[in-house]
């Protein structure tokens, strides 16, 4: 017998049958930051059959304090998080099929994943409202459970959404805190991350082995520094007229109009610009164009980073770009179109 999962199989609610179920299941993790890397590592070690990771960012030094799959070398190379995570996860468990997607978790991409790859569970590891609303609509439309998670400072939240059974994220909005501090304004400590990861992965395992009766069914919140904990039943907030999960759903966040092409990244002096149509840049060739203009440009197989005085311009192969050093969308657009037309 392969001893790899022996201790997990000794846990009665999983057992050999549950382990077999885990080995043929597929989980989509949206975001490969602190929550995403923690959940991904736990699931890969647990023997998940297939894992899909999608993330639009790359590894920076400030990530290393809590994003557990990344190394200093990843930060030096500015590796896309999805790629760095995949490389590390494959060294942890070579039996798991891992797909890394560098890009936005927008409606088009999430619908493609839902319809073509058919994940059994979606884990939210993102940091922004719009993406969560898109996950929610995809979950409702394709009947895929998803597990919400959020943390900042020493505080965390988690809830498991079951299409057709629980309220959806749209229903829950009045219950959840809106706005407020972010990791970039209030900081974050790794125990808060690990607590949310523990709640998310435990719920995911229950779903993967088919033990829905053990699901928490409550919105949990906690503060590990101030020793606070609450679990709130929210069944009553489910709305029959909800545009995402109600009797006549329209899935508003899957419409083209709701997909922003320009966004200020959560809590950061950075703006993302996504072109209306995908492009296919030769990054090495593009780097030479910048170098001939006397600019400092560094490329790896996935992105190009260019220093522009107070700004840093990071370009991905598909034309998506991050402009660091500003929150002003017009400034970011001026930089983008000046150099990429």
C-alpha atoms as a PDB file:
ATOM      1  CA  UNK A   1       0.000   0.000   0.000  1.00  0.00           C
ATOM      2  CA  UNK A   2       1.222   3.497  -0.800  1.00  0.00           C
ATOM      3  CA  UNK A   3       1.789   5.129   2.592  1.00  0.00           C
ATOM      4  CA  UNK A   4       1.568   8.665   1.271  1.00  0.00           C
ATOM      5  CA  UNK A   5      -2.036   9.250   2.371  1.00  0.00           C
ATOM      6  CA  UNK A   6      -2.179   6.635   5.132  1.00  0.00           C
ATOM      7  CA  UNK A   7      -2.717   9.112   7.973  1.00  0.00           C
ATOM      8  CA  UNK A   8      -5.420  10.933   6.048  1.00  0.00           C
ATOM      9  CA  UNK A   9      -7.151   7.648   5.270  1.00  0.00           C
ATOM     10  CA  UNK A  10      -7.109   6.722   8.964  1.00  0.00           C
ATOM     11  CA  UNK A  11      -9.364   9.720   9.551  1.00  0.00           C
ATOM     12  CA  UNK A  12     -12.762   7.999   9.498  1.00  0.00           C
ATOM     13  CA  UNK A  13     -14.775  10.657   7.594  1.00  0.00           C
ATOM     14  CA  UNK A  14     -12.313  10.295   4.686  1.00  0.00           C
ATOM     15  CA  UNK A  15     -11.083   6.707   4.744  1.00  0.00           C
ATOM     16  CA  UNK A  16      -9.974   4.803   1.654  1.00  0.00           C
ATOM     17  CA  UNK A  17     -13.180   5.561  -0.238  1.00  0.00           C
ATOM     18  CA  UNK A  18     -12.903   9.279   0.457  1.00  0.00           C
ATOM     19  CA  UNK A  19      -9.259   9.288  -0.581  1.00  0.00           C
ATOM     20  CA  UNK A  20     -10.228   7.678  -3.875  1.00  0.00           C
ATOM     21  CA  UNK A  21     -12.835  10.377  -4.426  1.00  0.00           C
ATOM     22  CA  UNK A  22     -10.314  13.137  -3.692  1.00  0.00           C
ATOM     23  CA  UNK A  23      -7.927  11.606  -6.243  1.00  0.00           C
ATOM     24  CA  UNK A  24     -10.405  12.068  -9.108  1.00  0.00           C
ATOM     25  CA  UNK A  25     -11.683  15.527  -8.190  1.00  0.00           C
ATOM     26  CA  UNK A  26     -10.792  18.934  -9.635  1.00  0.00           C
ATOM     27  CA  UNK A  27     -10.471  22.180  -7.672  1.00  0.00           C
ATOM     28  CA  UNK A  28     -10.154  25.671  -9.160  1.00  0.00           C
ATOM     29  CA  UNK A  29      -8.327  28.220  -7.008  1.00  0.00           C
ATOM     30  CA  UNK A  30      -8.843  31.839  -8.034  1.00  0.00           C
ATOM     31  CA  UNK A  31      -5.800  33.792  -6.877  1.00  0.00           C
ATOM     32  CA  UNK A  32      -2.338  32.511  -5.980  1.00  0.00           C
ATOM     33  CA  UNK A  33      -1.514  34.864  -3.117  1.00  0.00           C
ATOM     34  CA  UNK A  34      -1.579  34.054   0.577  1.00  0.00           C
ATOM     35  CA  UNK A  35      -4.870  32.135   0.664  1.00  0.00           C
ATOM     36  CA  UNK A  36      -4.313  30.572  -2.744  1.00  0.00           C
ATOM     37  CA  UNK A  37      -0.869  29.187  -2.024  1.00  0.00           C
ATOM     38  CA  UNK A  38      -1.931  27.848   1.370  1.00  0.00           C
ATOM     39  CA  UNK A  39      -5.017  26.123  -0.035  1.00  0.00           C
ATOM     40  CA  UNK A  40      -3.140  24.817  -3.080  1.00  0.00           C
ATOM     41  CA  UNK A  41      -0.386  23.243  -0.994  1.00  0.00           C
ATOM     42  CA  UNK A  42      -2.855  21.623   1.406  1.00  0.00           C
ATOM     43  CA  UNK A  43      -4.923  20.146  -1.431  1.00  0.00           C
ATOM     44  CA  UNK A  44      -1.902  18.921  -3.376  1.00  0.00           C
ATOM     45  CA  UNK A  45      -0.545  17.230  -0.251  1.00  0.00           C
ATOM     46  CA  UNK A  46      -4.011  15.734   0.298  1.00  0.00           C
ATOM     47  CA  UNK A  47      -3.857  14.094  -3.147  1.00  0.00           C
ATOM     48  CA  UNK A  48      -6.329  16.142  -5.193  1.00  0.00           C
ATOM     49  CA  UNK A  49      -6.534  14.761  -8.728  1.00  0.00           C
ATOM     50  CA  UNK A  50      -6.497  18.037 -10.632  1.00  0.00           C
ATOM     51  CA  UNK A  51      -5.788  21.614  -9.601  1.00  0.00           C
ATOM     52  CA  UNK A  52      -6.241  24.754 -11.702  1.00  0.00           C
ATOM     53  CA  UNK A  53      -4.651  27.997 -10.507  1.00  0.00           C
ATOM     54  CA  UNK A  54      -5.393  31.375 -12.054  1.00  0.00           C
ATOM     55  CA  UNK A  55      -3.611  34.578 -11.059  1.00  0.00           C
ATOM     56  CA  UNK A  56      -2.760  37.850 -12.826  1.00  0.00           C
ATOM     57  CA  UNK A  57       0.210  38.964 -10.709  1.00  0.00           C
ATOM     58  CA  UNK A  58       3.860  38.065 -10.193  1.00  0.00           C
ATOM     59  CA  UNK A  59       5.956  37.361  -7.091  1.00  0.00           C
ATOM     60  CA  UNK A  60       7.256  40.404  -5.201  1.00  0.00           C
ATOM     61  CA  UNK A  61       9.374  40.631  -2.054  1.00  0.00           C
ATOM     62  CA  UNK A  62       6.436  41.741   0.096  1.00  0.00           C
ATOM     63  CA  UNK A  63       4.679  38.455  -0.727  1.00  0.00           C
ATOM     64  CA  UNK A  64       7.294  36.226   0.918  1.00  0.00           C
ATOM     65  CA  UNK A  65       6.154  36.925   4.490  1.00  0.00           C
ATOM     66  CA  UNK A  66       2.893  34.970   4.047  1.00  0.00           C
ATOM     67  CA  UNK A  67       2.635  33.420   0.559  1.00  0.00           C
ATOM     68  CA  UNK A  68       4.114  30.096   1.433  1.00  0.00           C
ATOM     69  CA  UNK A  69       4.993  28.558  -1.935  1.00  0.00           C
ATOM     70  CA  UNK A  70       7.356  31.317  -3.065  1.00  0.00           C
ATOM     71  CA  UNK A  71      11.075  31.840  -2.654  1.00  0.00           C
ATOM     72  CA  UNK A  72      13.493  34.744  -2.918  1.00  0.00           C
ATOM     73  CA  UNK A  73      14.517  33.496  -6.346  1.00  0.00           C
ATOM     74  CA  UNK A  74      10.900  33.725  -7.540  1.00  0.00           C
ATOM     75  CA  UNK A  75      10.817  37.375  -6.415  1.00  0.00           C
ATOM     76  CA  UNK A  76      14.167  38.134  -8.071  1.00  0.00           C
ATOM     77  CA  UNK A  77      12.920  36.692 -11.364  1.00  0.00           C
ATOM     78  CA  UNK A  78       9.467  38.298 -11.012  1.00  0.00           C
ATOM     79  CA  UNK A  79       7.911  34.951 -11.892  1.00  0.00           C
ATOM     80  CA  UNK A  80       4.143  34.969 -12.398  1.00  0.00           C
ATOM     81  CA  UNK A  81       2.590  33.549  -9.261  1.00  0.00           C
ATOM     82  CA  UNK A  82       0.677  30.861 -11.145  1.00  0.00           C
ATOM     83  CA  UNK A  83       3.931  29.555 -12.683  1.00  0.00           C
ATOM     84  CA  UNK A  84       5.995  29.743  -9.481  1.00  0.00           C
ATOM     85  CA  UNK A  85       3.211  27.986  -7.564  1.00  0.00           C
ATOM     86  CA  UNK A  86       2.891  25.250 -10.191  1.00  0.00           C
ATOM     87  CA  UNK A  87       6.637  24.596 -10.155  1.00  0.00           C
ATOM     88  CA  UNK A  88       6.714  24.269  -6.373  1.00  0.00           C
ATOM     89  CA  UNK A  89       3.544  22.170  -6.180  1.00  0.00           C
ATOM     90  CA  UNK A  90       4.832  19.710  -8.771  1.00  0.00           C
ATOM     91  CA  UNK A  91       7.883  19.138  -6.574  1.00  0.00           C
ATOM     92  CA  UNK A  92       5.568  18.416  -3.636  1.00  0.00           C
ATOM     93  CA  UNK A  93       3.327  15.901  -5.438  1.00  0.00           C
ATOM     94  CA  UNK A  94       4.104  14.839  -8.995  1.00  0.00           C
ATOM     95  CA  UNK A  95       0.898  12.780  -9.233  1.00  0.00           C
ATOM     96  CA  UNK A  96      -1.342  15.851  -9.265  1.00  0.00           C
ATOM     97  CA  UNK A  97      -2.293  17.411 -12.605  1.00  0.00           C
ATOM     98  CA  UNK A  98      -1.731  21.154 -12.222  1.00  0.00           C
ATOM     99  CA  UNK A  99      -2.742  23.818 -14.707  1.00  0.00           C
ATOM    100  CA  UNK A 100      -1.414  27.352 -14.258  1.00  0.00           C
ATOM    101  CA  UNK A 101      -3.195  30.247 -15.963  1.00  0.00           C
ATOM    102  CA  UNK A 102      -1.499  33.655 -16.045  1.00  0.00           C
ATOM    103  CA  UNK A 103      -4.252  36.197 -16.404  1.00  0.00           C
ATOM    104  CA  UNK A 104      -7.399  37.805 -15.137  1.00  0.00           C
ATOM    105  CA  UNK A 105     -10.122  35.715 -13.554  1.00  0.00           C
ATOM    106  CA  UNK A 106     -12.668  37.559 -15.672  1.00  0.00           C
ATOM    107  CA  UNK A 107     -16.084  36.282 -16.729  1.00  0.00           C
ATOM    108  CA  UNK A 108     -14.906  34.922 -20.075  1.00  0.00           C
ATOM    109  CA  UNK A 109     -12.038  32.945 -18.552  1.00  0.00           C
ATOM    110  CA  UNK A 110     -13.983  31.632 -15.556  1.00  0.00           C
ATOM    111  CA  UNK A 111     -16.875  30.550 -17.776  1.00  0.00           C
ATOM    112  CA  UNK A 112     -14.419  28.750 -20.049  1.00  0.00           C
ATOM    113  CA  UNK A 113     -12.901  26.912 -17.089  1.00  0.00           C
ATOM    114  CA  UNK A 114     -16.334  26.049 -15.685  1.00  0.00           C
ATOM    115  CA  UNK A 115     -17.697  24.715 -18.965  1.00  0.00           C
ATOM    116  CA  UNK A 116     -14.576  23.005 -20.323  1.00  0.00           C
ATOM    117  CA  UNK A 117     -12.621  21.864 -17.257  1.00  0.00           C
ATOM    118  CA  UNK A 118     -15.641  21.342 -14.981  1.00  0.00           C
ATOM    119  CA  UNK A 119     -14.137  21.898 -11.515  1.00  0.00           C
ATOM    120  CA  UNK A 120     -15.950  20.276  -8.589  1.00  0.00           C
ATOM    121  CA  UNK A 121     -15.187  23.128  -6.168  1.00  0.00           C
ATOM    122  CA  UNK A 122     -13.991  26.728  -6.512  1.00  0.00           C
ATOM    123  CA  UNK A 123     -11.861  28.298  -3.776  1.00  0.00           C
ATOM    124  CA  UNK A 124     -11.849  32.090  -3.573  1.00  0.00           C
ATOM    125  CA  UNK A 125      -8.358  33.400  -2.886  1.00  0.00           C
ATOM    126  CA  UNK A 126      -8.771  36.784  -4.495  1.00  0.00           C
ATOM    127  CA  UNK A 127      -8.693  40.270  -3.030  1.00  0.00           C
ATOM    128  CA  UNK A 128     -11.367  42.216  -4.868  1.00  0.00           C
ATOM    129  CA  UNK A 129     -15.129  42.594  -5.016  1.00  0.00           C
ATOM    130  CA  UNK A 130     -15.563  42.309  -8.788  1.00  0.00           C
ATOM    131  CA  UNK A 131     -13.808  38.957  -9.087  1.00  0.00           C
ATOM    132  CA  UNK A 132     -15.815  37.499  -6.208  1.00  0.00           C
ATOM    133  CA  UNK A 133     -19.044  38.637  -7.858  1.00  0.00           C
ATOM    134  CA  UNK A 134     -17.929  36.943 -11.071  1.00  0.00           C
ATOM    135  CA  UNK A 135     -17.057  33.728  -9.196  1.00  0.00           C
ATOM    136  CA  UNK A 136     -20.488  33.901  -7.587  1.00  0.00           C
ATOM    137  CA  UNK A 137     -22.324  34.169 -10.907  1.00  0.00           C
ATOM    138  CA  UNK A 138     -20.265  31.346 -12.443  1.00  0.00           C
ATOM    139  CA  UNK A 139     -21.002  29.233  -9.375  1.00  0.00           C
ATOM    140  CA  UNK A 140     -24.735  29.877  -9.641  1.00  0.00           C
ATOM    141  CA  UNK A 141     -24.902  29.345 -13.412  1.00  0.00           C
ATOM    142  CA  UNK A 142     -22.826  26.150 -13.495  1.00  0.00           C
ATOM    143  CA  UNK A 143     -23.924  24.827 -10.081  1.00  0.00           C
ATOM    144  CA  UNK A 144     -20.406  24.651  -8.661  1.00  0.00           C
ATOM    145  CA  UNK A 145     -19.916  25.132  -4.894  1.00  0.00           C
ATOM    146  CA  UNK A 146     -17.452  27.851  -3.931  1.00  0.00           C
ATOM    147  CA  UNK A 147     -15.732  28.717  -0.682  1.00  0.00           C
ATOM    148  CA  UNK A 148     -15.303  32.371   0.189  1.00  0.00           C
ATOM    149  CA  UNK A 149     -12.283  33.527   2.166  1.00  0.00           C
ATOM    150  CA  UNK A 150     -10.907  36.918   3.141  1.00  0.00           C
ATOM    151  CA  UNK A 151      -8.404  38.217   5.669  1.00  0.00           C
ATOM    152  CA  UNK A 152      -6.677  41.442   6.686  1.00  0.00           C
ATOM    153  CA  UNK A 153      -4.624  42.305   9.756  1.00  0.00           C
ATOM    154  CA  UNK A 154      -5.502  39.555  12.237  1.00  0.00           C
ATOM    155  CA  UNK A 155      -9.101  39.221  11.031  1.00  0.00           C
ATOM    156  CA  UNK A 156     -10.629  36.611   8.734  1.00  0.00           C
ATOM    157  CA  UNK A 157     -13.919  35.474   7.182  1.00  0.00           C
ATOM    158  CA  UNK A 158     -15.123  32.334   5.421  1.00  0.00           C
ATOM    159  CA  UNK A 159     -18.371  30.883   4.089  1.00  0.00           C
ATOM    160  CA  UNK A 160     -19.323  27.991   1.814  1.00  0.00           C
ATOM    161  CA  UNK A 161     -21.805  28.755  -0.976  1.00  0.00           C
ATOM    162  CA  UNK A 162     -23.914  25.869  -2.283  1.00  0.00           C
ATOM    163  CA  UNK A 163     -25.924  26.774  -5.419  1.00  0.00           C
ATOM    164  CA  UNK A 164     -29.619  26.107  -4.901  1.00  0.00           C
ATOM    165  CA  UNK A 165     -29.231  25.619  -1.143  1.00  0.00           C
ATOM    166  CA  UNK A 166     -27.542  28.571   0.557  1.00  0.00           C
ATOM    167  CA  UNK A 167     -27.732  32.309  -0.047  1.00  0.00           C
ATOM    168  CA  UNK A 168     -25.245  33.418  -2.691  1.00  0.00           C
ATOM    169  CA  UNK A 169     -22.611  36.134  -2.327  1.00  0.00           C
ATOM    170  CA  UNK A 170     -24.977  38.698  -3.856  1.00  0.00           C
ATOM    171  CA  UNK A 171     -27.574  37.861  -1.181  1.00  0.00           C
ATOM    172  CA  UNK A 172     -24.970  38.094   1.547  1.00  0.00           C
ATOM    173  CA  UNK A 173     -23.567  41.503   0.659  1.00  0.00           C
ATOM    174  CA  UNK A 174     -25.501  43.346   3.348  1.00  0.00           C
ATOM    175  CA  UNK A 175     -24.046  40.979   5.969  1.00  0.00           C
ATOM    176  CA  UNK A 176     -20.414  41.238   4.862  1.00  0.00           C
ATOM    177  CA  UNK A 177     -18.237  44.274   5.636  1.00  0.00           C
ATOM    178  CA  UNK A 178     -17.860  46.530   2.591  1.00  0.00           C
ATOM    179  CA  UNK A 179     -14.685  48.470   1.830  1.00  0.00           C
ATOM    180  CA  UNK A 180     -12.456  49.065   4.818  1.00  0.00           C
ATOM    181  CA  UNK A 181      -8.777  48.237   5.280  1.00  0.00           C
ATOM    182  CA  UNK A 182      -6.717  46.063   2.943  1.00  0.00           C
ATOM    183  CA  UNK A 183      -3.476  44.119   3.372  1.00  0.00           C
ATOM    184  CA  UNK A 184      -1.653  47.074   1.830  1.00  0.00           C
ATOM    185  CA  UNK A 185      -3.109  49.574   4.299  1.00  0.00           C
ATOM    186  CA  UNK A 186      -3.566  47.560   7.513  1.00  0.00           C
ATOM    187  CA  UNK A 187      -1.041  44.789   6.924  1.00  0.00           C
ATOM    188  CA  UNK A 188      -1.617  41.113   7.610  1.00  0.00           C
ATOM    189  CA  UNK A 189      -0.137  38.387   9.808  1.00  0.00           C
ATOM    190  CA  UNK A 190       0.281  34.821   8.605  1.00  0.00           C
ATOM    191  CA  UNK A 191      -1.785  33.181  11.415  1.00  0.00           C
ATOM    192  CA  UNK A 192      -4.878  34.964  10.077  1.00  0.00           C
ATOM    193  CA  UNK A 193      -4.100  33.592   6.611  1.00  0.00           C
ATOM    194  CA  UNK A 194      -3.598  30.068   7.913  1.00  0.00           C
ATOM    195  CA  UNK A 195      -6.870  30.184   9.864  1.00  0.00           C
ATOM    196  CA  UNK A 196      -8.856  31.111   6.756  1.00  0.00           C
ATOM    197  CA  UNK A 197      -6.985  28.472   4.728  1.00  0.00           C
ATOM    198  CA  UNK A 198      -7.845  25.860   7.368  1.00  0.00           C
ATOM    199  CA  UNK A 199     -11.544  26.705   7.168  1.00  0.00           C
ATOM    200  CA  UNK A 200     -11.548  26.744   3.371  1.00  0.00           C
ATOM    201  CA  UNK A 201      -9.631  23.508   2.894  1.00  0.00           C
ATOM    202  CA  UNK A 202     -11.647  21.648   5.545  1.00  0.00           C
ATOM    203  CA  UNK A 203     -14.871  22.635   3.774  1.00  0.00           C
ATOM    204  CA  UNK A 204     -13.370  21.693   0.401  1.00  0.00           C
ATOM    205  CA  UNK A 205     -12.419  18.232   1.652  1.00  0.00           C
ATOM    206  CA  UNK A 206     -15.957  17.679   2.974  1.00  0.00           C
ATOM    207  CA  UNK A 207     -17.337  18.529  -0.465  1.00  0.00           C
ATOM    208  CA  UNK A 208     -14.765  16.415  -2.292  1.00  0.00           C
ATOM    209  CA  UNK A 209     -15.515  13.262  -0.270  1.00  0.00           C
ATOM    210  CA  UNK A 210     -19.279  13.871  -0.448  1.00  0.00           C
ATOM    211  CA  UNK A 211     -19.848  14.607   3.251  1.00  0.00           C
ATOM    212  CA  UNK A 212     -22.180  17.602   2.824  1.00  0.00           C
ATOM    213  CA  UNK A 213     -23.859  16.920   6.172  1.00  0.00           C
ATOM    214  CA  UNK A 214     -20.638  18.026   7.909  1.00  0.00           C
ATOM    215  CA  UNK A 215     -20.437  21.395   6.156  1.00  0.00           C
ATOM    216  CA  UNK A 216     -20.360  24.340   8.559  1.00  0.00           C
ATOM    217  CA  UNK A 217     -23.306  26.211   6.975  1.00  0.00           C
ATOM    218  CA  UNK A 218     -22.421  29.383   8.890  1.00  0.00           C
ATOM    219  CA  UNK A 219     -20.483  32.540   8.113  1.00  0.00           C
ATOM    220  CA  UNK A 220     -17.431  32.384  10.367  1.00  0.00           C
ATOM    221  CA  UNK A 221     -15.401  35.414  11.392  1.00  0.00           C
ATOM    222  CA  UNK A 222     -12.494  35.693  13.801  1.00  0.00           C
ATOM    223  CA  UNK A 223      -9.694  37.889  15.050  1.00  0.00           C
ATOM    224  CA  UNK A 224      -6.701  35.825  16.156  1.00  0.00           C
ATOM    225  CA  UNK A 225      -4.971  38.789  17.817  1.00  0.00           C
ATOM    226  CA  UNK A 226      -7.944  40.039  19.805  1.00  0.00           C
ATOM    227  CA  UNK A 227      -9.259  36.537  20.574  1.00  0.00           C
ATOM    228  CA  UNK A 228     -12.651  36.991  18.941  1.00  0.00           C
ATOM    229  CA  UNK A 229     -14.740  34.389  17.104  1.00  0.00           C
ATOM    230  CA  UNK A 230     -18.275  34.310  15.707  1.00  0.00           C
ATOM    231  CA  UNK A 231     -20.274  31.883  13.576  1.00  0.00           C
ATOM    232  CA  UNK A 232     -23.488  33.322  12.158  1.00  0.00           C
ATOM    233  CA  UNK A 233     -26.306  31.446  10.449  1.00  0.00           C
ATOM    234  CA  UNK A 234     -27.273  33.434   7.344  1.00  0.00           C
ATOM    235  CA  UNK A 235     -29.866  31.185   5.660  1.00  0.00           C
ATOM    236  CA  UNK A 236     -32.545  33.846   6.111  1.00  0.00           C
ATOM    237  CA  UNK A 237     -30.783  36.363   3.826  1.00  0.00           C
ATOM    238  CA  UNK A 238     -31.395  34.255   0.709  1.00  0.00           C
ATOM    239  CA  UNK A 239     -33.475  36.381  -1.694  1.00  0.00           C
ATOM    240  CA  UNK A 240     -35.975  34.972  -4.187  1.00  0.00           C
ATOM    241  CA  UNK A 241     -35.463  38.014  -6.450  1.00  0.00           C
ATOM    242  CA  UNK A 242     -31.632  37.829  -6.380  1.00  0.00           C
ATOM    243  CA  UNK A 243     -30.245  38.403  -9.916  1.00  0.00           C
ATOM    244  CA  UNK A 244     -27.630  35.696  -9.363  1.00  0.00           C
ATOM    245  CA  UNK A 245     -29.447  32.882  -7.538  1.00  0.00           C
ATOM    246  CA  UNK A 246     -33.113  33.914  -7.500  1.00  0.00           C
ATOM    247  CA  UNK A 247     -36.073  32.500  -9.397  1.00  0.00           C
ATOM    248  CA  UNK A 248     -35.148  34.371 -12.591  1.00  0.00           C
ATOM    249  CA  UNK A 249     -31.358  34.773 -12.573  1.00  0.00           C
ATOM    250  CA  UNK A 250     -29.625  37.069 -15.053  1.00  0.00           C
ATOM    251  CA  UNK A 251     -26.031  36.566 -13.809  1.00  0.00           C
ATOM    252  CA  UNK A 252     -25.177  40.281 -14.111  1.00  0.00           C
ATOM    253  CA  UNK A 253     -21.435  39.895 -13.544  1.00  0.00           C
ATOM    254  CA  UNK A 254     -21.106  37.625 -16.557  1.00  0.00           C
ATOM    255  CA  UNK A 255     -22.242  40.371 -18.923  1.00  0.00           C
ATOM    256  CA  UNK A 256     -19.686  42.165 -21.065  1.00  0.00           C
ATOM    257  CA  UNK A 257     -20.624  45.552 -19.634  1.00  0.00           C
ATOM    258  CA  UNK A 258     -19.585  44.498 -16.124  1.00  0.00           C
ATOM    259  CA  UNK A 259     -16.079  43.440 -17.154  1.00  0.00           C
ATOM    260  CA  UNK A 260     -13.817  46.404 -16.465  1.00  0.00           C
ATOM    261  CA  UNK A 261     -10.842  46.845 -18.742  1.00  0.00           C
ATOM    262  CA  UNK A 262      -8.983  49.104 -16.314  1.00  0.00           C
ATOM    263  CA  UNK A 263      -8.748  48.640 -12.554  1.00  0.00           C
ATOM    264  CA  UNK A 264      -6.838  50.022  -9.593  1.00  0.00           C
ATOM    265  CA  UNK A 265      -5.390  47.034  -7.769  1.00  0.00           C
ATOM    266  CA  UNK A 266      -6.670  46.560  -4.250  1.00  0.00           C
ATOM    267  CA  UNK A 267      -4.816  48.811  -1.802  1.00  0.00           C
ATOM    268  CA  UNK A 268      -1.842  49.357  -4.117  1.00  0.00           C
ATOM    269  CA  UNK A 269      -0.350  52.188  -6.156  1.00  0.00           C
ATOM    270  CA  UNK A 270      -0.911  50.103  -9.268  1.00  0.00           C
ATOM    271  CA  UNK A 271      -3.325  50.080 -12.180  1.00  0.00           C
ATOM    272  CA  UNK A 272      -4.068  47.134 -14.426  1.00  0.00           C
ATOM    273  CA  UNK A 273      -4.972  47.738 -18.065  1.00  0.00           C
ATOM    274  CA  UNK A 274      -6.408  44.939 -20.167  1.00  0.00           C
ATOM    275  CA  UNK A 275      -6.688  45.578 -23.921  1.00  0.00           C
ATOM    276  CA  UNK A 276     -10.042  45.014 -25.596  1.00  0.00           C
ATOM    277  CA  UNK A 277      -8.520  42.202 -27.662  1.00  0.00           C
ATOM    278  CA  UNK A 278      -5.719  39.857 -26.689  1.00  0.00           C
ATOM    279  CA  UNK A 279      -2.327  40.480 -28.234  1.00  0.00           C
ATOM    280  CA  UNK A 280       0.661  38.225 -28.673  1.00  0.00           C
ATOM    281  CA  UNK A 281       3.906  40.035 -27.882  1.00  0.00           C
ATOM    282  CA  UNK A 282       7.421  38.705 -28.350  1.00  0.00           C
ATOM    283  CA  UNK A 283       8.710  39.973 -25.007  1.00  0.00           C
ATOM    284  CA  UNK A 284      12.401  39.724 -25.917  1.00  0.00           C
ATOM    285  CA  UNK A 285      11.799  41.747 -29.072  1.00  0.00           C
ATOM    286  CA  UNK A 286       9.764  44.277 -27.107  1.00  0.00           C
ATOM    287  CA  UNK A 287      12.560  44.526 -24.528  1.00  0.00           C
ATOM    288  CA  UNK A 288      15.015  45.469 -27.281  1.00  0.00           C
ATOM    289  CA  UNK A 289      12.705  48.281 -28.405  1.00  0.00           C
ATOM    290  CA  UNK A 290      12.704  49.745 -24.894  1.00  0.00           C
ATOM    291  CA  UNK A 291      16.469  49.297 -24.519  1.00  0.00           C
ATOM    292  CA  UNK A 292      17.058  51.208 -27.758  1.00  0.00           C
ATOM    293  CA  UNK A 293      15.161  54.095 -26.164  1.00  0.00           C
ATOM    294  CA  UNK A 294      17.628  54.075 -23.271  1.00  0.00           C
ATOM    295  CA  UNK A 295      15.197  52.493 -20.814  1.00  0.00           C
ATOM    296  CA  UNK A 296      15.978  49.719 -18.335  1.00  0.00           C
ATOM    297  CA  UNK A 297      13.991  46.652 -19.409  1.00  0.00           C
ATOM    298  CA  UNK A 298      14.104  43.101 -18.076  1.00  0.00           C
ATOM    299  CA  UNK A 299      12.203  40.179 -19.601  1.00  0.00           C
ATOM    300  CA  UNK A 300      11.512  36.600 -18.589  1.00  0.00           C
ATOM    301  CA  UNK A 301       9.409  34.115 -20.596  1.00  0.00           C
ATOM    302  CA  UNK A 302       6.199  35.503 -19.086  1.00  0.00           C
ATOM    303  CA  UNK A 303       6.516  39.266 -18.636  1.00  0.00           C
ATOM    304  CA  UNK A 304       8.584  42.366 -19.342  1.00  0.00           C
ATOM    305  CA  UNK A 305       9.406  44.946 -16.668  1.00  0.00           C
ATOM    306  CA  UNK A 306      10.412  48.476 -17.686  1.00  0.00           C
ATOM    307  CA  UNK A 307      11.586  51.283 -15.383  1.00  0.00           C
ATOM    308  CA  UNK A 308      10.064  54.662 -16.283  1.00  0.00           C
ATOM    309  CA  UNK A 309      11.322  57.057 -13.618  1.00  0.00           C
ATOM    310  CA  UNK A 310       8.696  57.061 -10.869  1.00  0.00           C
ATOM    311  CA  UNK A 311       6.747  54.288 -12.604  1.00  0.00           C
ATOM    312  CA  UNK A 312       7.324  50.628 -13.429  1.00  0.00           C
ATOM    313  CA  UNK A 313       5.575  49.239 -16.495  1.00  0.00           C
ATOM    314  CA  UNK A 314       5.010  45.462 -16.483  1.00  0.00           C
ATOM    315  CA  UNK A 315       3.730  43.918 -19.726  1.00  0.00           C
ATOM    316  CA  UNK A 316       2.434  40.361 -20.162  1.00  0.00           C
ATOM    317  CA  UNK A 317       2.459  38.386 -23.418  1.00  0.00           C
ATOM    318  CA  UNK A 318      -1.247  38.953 -24.060  1.00  0.00           C
ATOM    319  CA  UNK A 319      -0.937  42.758 -23.826  1.00  0.00           C
ATOM    320  CA  UNK A 320      -2.233  43.058 -20.281  1.00  0.00           C
ATOM    321  CA  UNK A 321      -0.130  45.475 -18.255  1.00  0.00           C
ATOM    322  CA  UNK A 322       0.419  46.684 -14.702  1.00  0.00           C
ATOM    323  CA  UNK A 323       1.537  50.267 -14.148  1.00  0.00           C
ATOM    324  CA  UNK A 324       3.093  50.597 -10.700  1.00  0.00           C
ATOM    325  CA  UNK A 325       3.516  53.956  -8.984  1.00  0.00           C
ATOM    326  CA  UNK A 326       0.076  55.456  -9.571  1.00  0.00           C
ATOM    327  CA  UNK A 327      -3.579  54.976  -8.734  1.00  0.00           C
ATOM    328  CA  UNK A 328      -4.634  57.420 -11.419  1.00  0.00           C
ATOM    329  CA  UNK A 329      -6.239  55.547 -14.301  1.00  0.00           C
ATOM    330  CA  UNK A 330      -5.666  58.329 -16.825  1.00  0.00           C
ATOM    331  CA  UNK A 331      -1.936  58.453 -16.006  1.00  0.00           C
ATOM    332  CA  UNK A 332      -1.745  54.689 -16.403  1.00  0.00           C
ATOM    333  CA  UNK A 333      -3.555  54.805 -19.738  1.00  0.00           C
ATOM    334  CA  UNK A 334      -1.230  57.534 -20.993  1.00  0.00           C
ATOM    335  CA  UNK A 335       1.805  55.373 -20.191  1.00  0.00           C
ATOM    336  CA  UNK A 336       0.238  52.264 -21.712  1.00  0.00           C
ATOM    337  CA  UNK A 337      -0.798  53.820 -25.022  1.00  0.00           C
ATOM    338  CA  UNK A 338       2.379  55.865 -25.363  1.00  0.00           C
ATOM    339  CA  UNK A 339       4.481  52.699 -25.466  1.00  0.00           C
ATOM    340  CA  UNK A 340       2.075  50.040 -26.740  1.00  0.00           C
ATOM    341  CA  UNK A 341      -0.128  52.122 -29.046  1.00  0.00           C
END
